[in-house]
Protein backbone atom coordinates (compact mmCIF):
# COMPACT_ATOMS: atom_id res chain seq x y z
CA MET A 1 10.84 -13.13 0.70
CA TYR A 2 10.75 -8.89 0.58
CA ASP A 3 8.50 -7.89 3.21
CA LEU A 4 6.85 -4.17 3.92
CA ALA A 5 4.27 -2.52 5.96
CA PHE A 6 2.70 0.86 5.63
CA ARG A 7 0.82 2.81 8.09
CA MET A 8 -0.85 5.66 6.87
CA THR A 9 -3.35 8.59 8.03
CA ALA A 10 -5.49 9.99 5.15
CA VAL A 11 -6.28 13.68 5.78
CA ALA A 12 -9.88 14.21 7.36
CA GLY A 13 -12.34 13.98 4.86
CA ASP A 14 -10.10 12.57 2.72
CA GLU A 15 -10.39 8.75 4.06
CA ASP A 16 -12.89 7.24 1.86
CA ASP A 17 -11.44 7.93 -1.07
CA VAL A 18 -8.07 7.29 -0.02
CA PHE A 19 -9.51 3.91 1.19
CA ALA A 20 -11.47 3.17 -2.16
CA ALA A 21 -8.04 3.65 -4.26
CA LEU A 22 -5.94 1.65 -2.05
CA LEU A 23 -8.90 -1.44 -2.06
CA THR A 24 -8.39 -1.34 -6.14
CA THR A 25 -4.40 -1.11 -6.11
CA THR A 26 -4.45 -4.00 -3.46
CA GLU A 27 -6.67 -6.40 -6.15
CA ALA A 28 -4.25 -5.25 -8.88
CA SER A 29 -0.95 -5.60 -7.16
CA ARG A 30 -2.29 -9.24 -6.10
CA GLN A 31 -2.03 -10.28 -9.70
CA GLU A 32 1.39 -9.56 -10.44
CA PRO A 33 4.27 -11.69 -10.68
CA GLY A 34 6.11 -12.17 -7.89
CA VAL A 35 3.64 -11.18 -5.43
CA VAL A 36 2.84 -13.27 -2.55
CA SER A 37 0.47 -11.45 -0.69
CA PHE A 38 -1.18 -7.35 -0.50
CA GLU A 39 -3.60 -6.32 2.12
CA ALA A 40 -5.02 -3.03 2.88
CA LEU A 41 -6.62 -2.54 6.32
CA ARG A 42 -8.60 -0.20 8.23
CA SER A 43 -8.74 1.28 11.42
CA SER A 44 -12.12 0.36 13.24
CA ASN A 45 -11.17 3.09 16.06
CA ASP A 46 -10.03 6.11 13.60
CA PRO A 47 -11.35 5.05 9.45
CA ARG A 48 -8.63 7.73 8.44
CA ILE A 49 -5.69 5.08 9.62
CA MET A 50 -4.63 2.30 7.31
CA LEU A 51 -1.98 -0.06 6.83
CA VAL A 52 -0.80 -2.08 3.91
CA VAL A 53 0.91 -5.42 4.50
CA GLU A 54 3.11 -6.65 1.42
CA ARG A 55 5.21 -9.76 0.91
CA TYR A 56 7.39 -10.18 -2.29
CA ASP A 57 9.29 -13.15 -3.47
CA SER A 58 12.08 -10.46 -4.10
CA ARG A 59 13.26 -7.22 -4.10
CA GLU A 60 13.46 -7.16 -7.83
CA ALA A 61 9.63 -8.22 -7.64
CA TYR A 62 8.82 -5.04 -5.10
CA GLU A 63 10.67 -3.20 -7.52
CA ALA A 64 8.71 -3.92 -10.70
CA HIS A 65 5.70 -3.36 -8.56
CA LYS A 66 6.17 0.38 -8.36
CA ASP A 67 6.63 0.87 -12.63
CA THR A 68 3.33 -0.52 -12.98
CA ASP A 69 0.35 1.56 -13.82
CA HIS A 70 -1.92 0.97 -10.80
CA TYR A 71 1.37 2.27 -8.23
CA ALA A 72 1.33 4.98 -10.38
CA ALA A 73 -2.69 5.97 -10.18
CA TRP A 74 -2.41 5.23 -6.31
CA LYS A 75 0.18 7.59 -5.55
CA ALA A 76 -2.11 10.47 -8.04
CA ALA A 77 -5.08 9.40 -5.85
CA SER A 78 -3.19 9.47 -2.68
CA ALA A 79 -0.89 12.60 -3.43
CA GLY A 80 -1.46 15.49 -0.61
CA ARG A 81 -4.00 13.27 0.75
CA ILE A 82 -1.92 11.48 3.08
CA GLU A 83 -0.99 13.43 6.29
CA ALA A 84 1.38 10.83 8.22
CA SER A 85 2.83 7.68 7.51
CA GLU A 86 5.35 5.04 8.26
CA ARG A 87 6.97 2.35 6.51
CA PHE A 88 8.33 -0.78 8.41
CA VAL A 89 10.44 -3.60 6.69
CA GLY A 90 10.60 -7.22 7.62
CA GLY A 91 12.78 -10.50 6.81
CA ASP A 92 15.56 -9.57 4.49
CA ALA A 93 13.57 -5.97 3.13
CA THR A 94 16.32 -4.25 4.67
């Protein structure tokens, strides 16, 4: 398994658009070969804070994910709209 999580904070005023784009890529990502699970969550205390938890059956599946059109669309939609982010890895995702 290859596990990742990302905690991000959207720029104030952009949080709804960023989360909408995140949900779009989440749905598409769930259809990819090698994706075990892909979840997007939003804080109930601060709607600017989002968490993405991804599980792939291999690192290669994760690398393939980064070559998809929906990943490129996410990167474009979120560019300049994330003020902070933190990446976490687990399992054999080092």
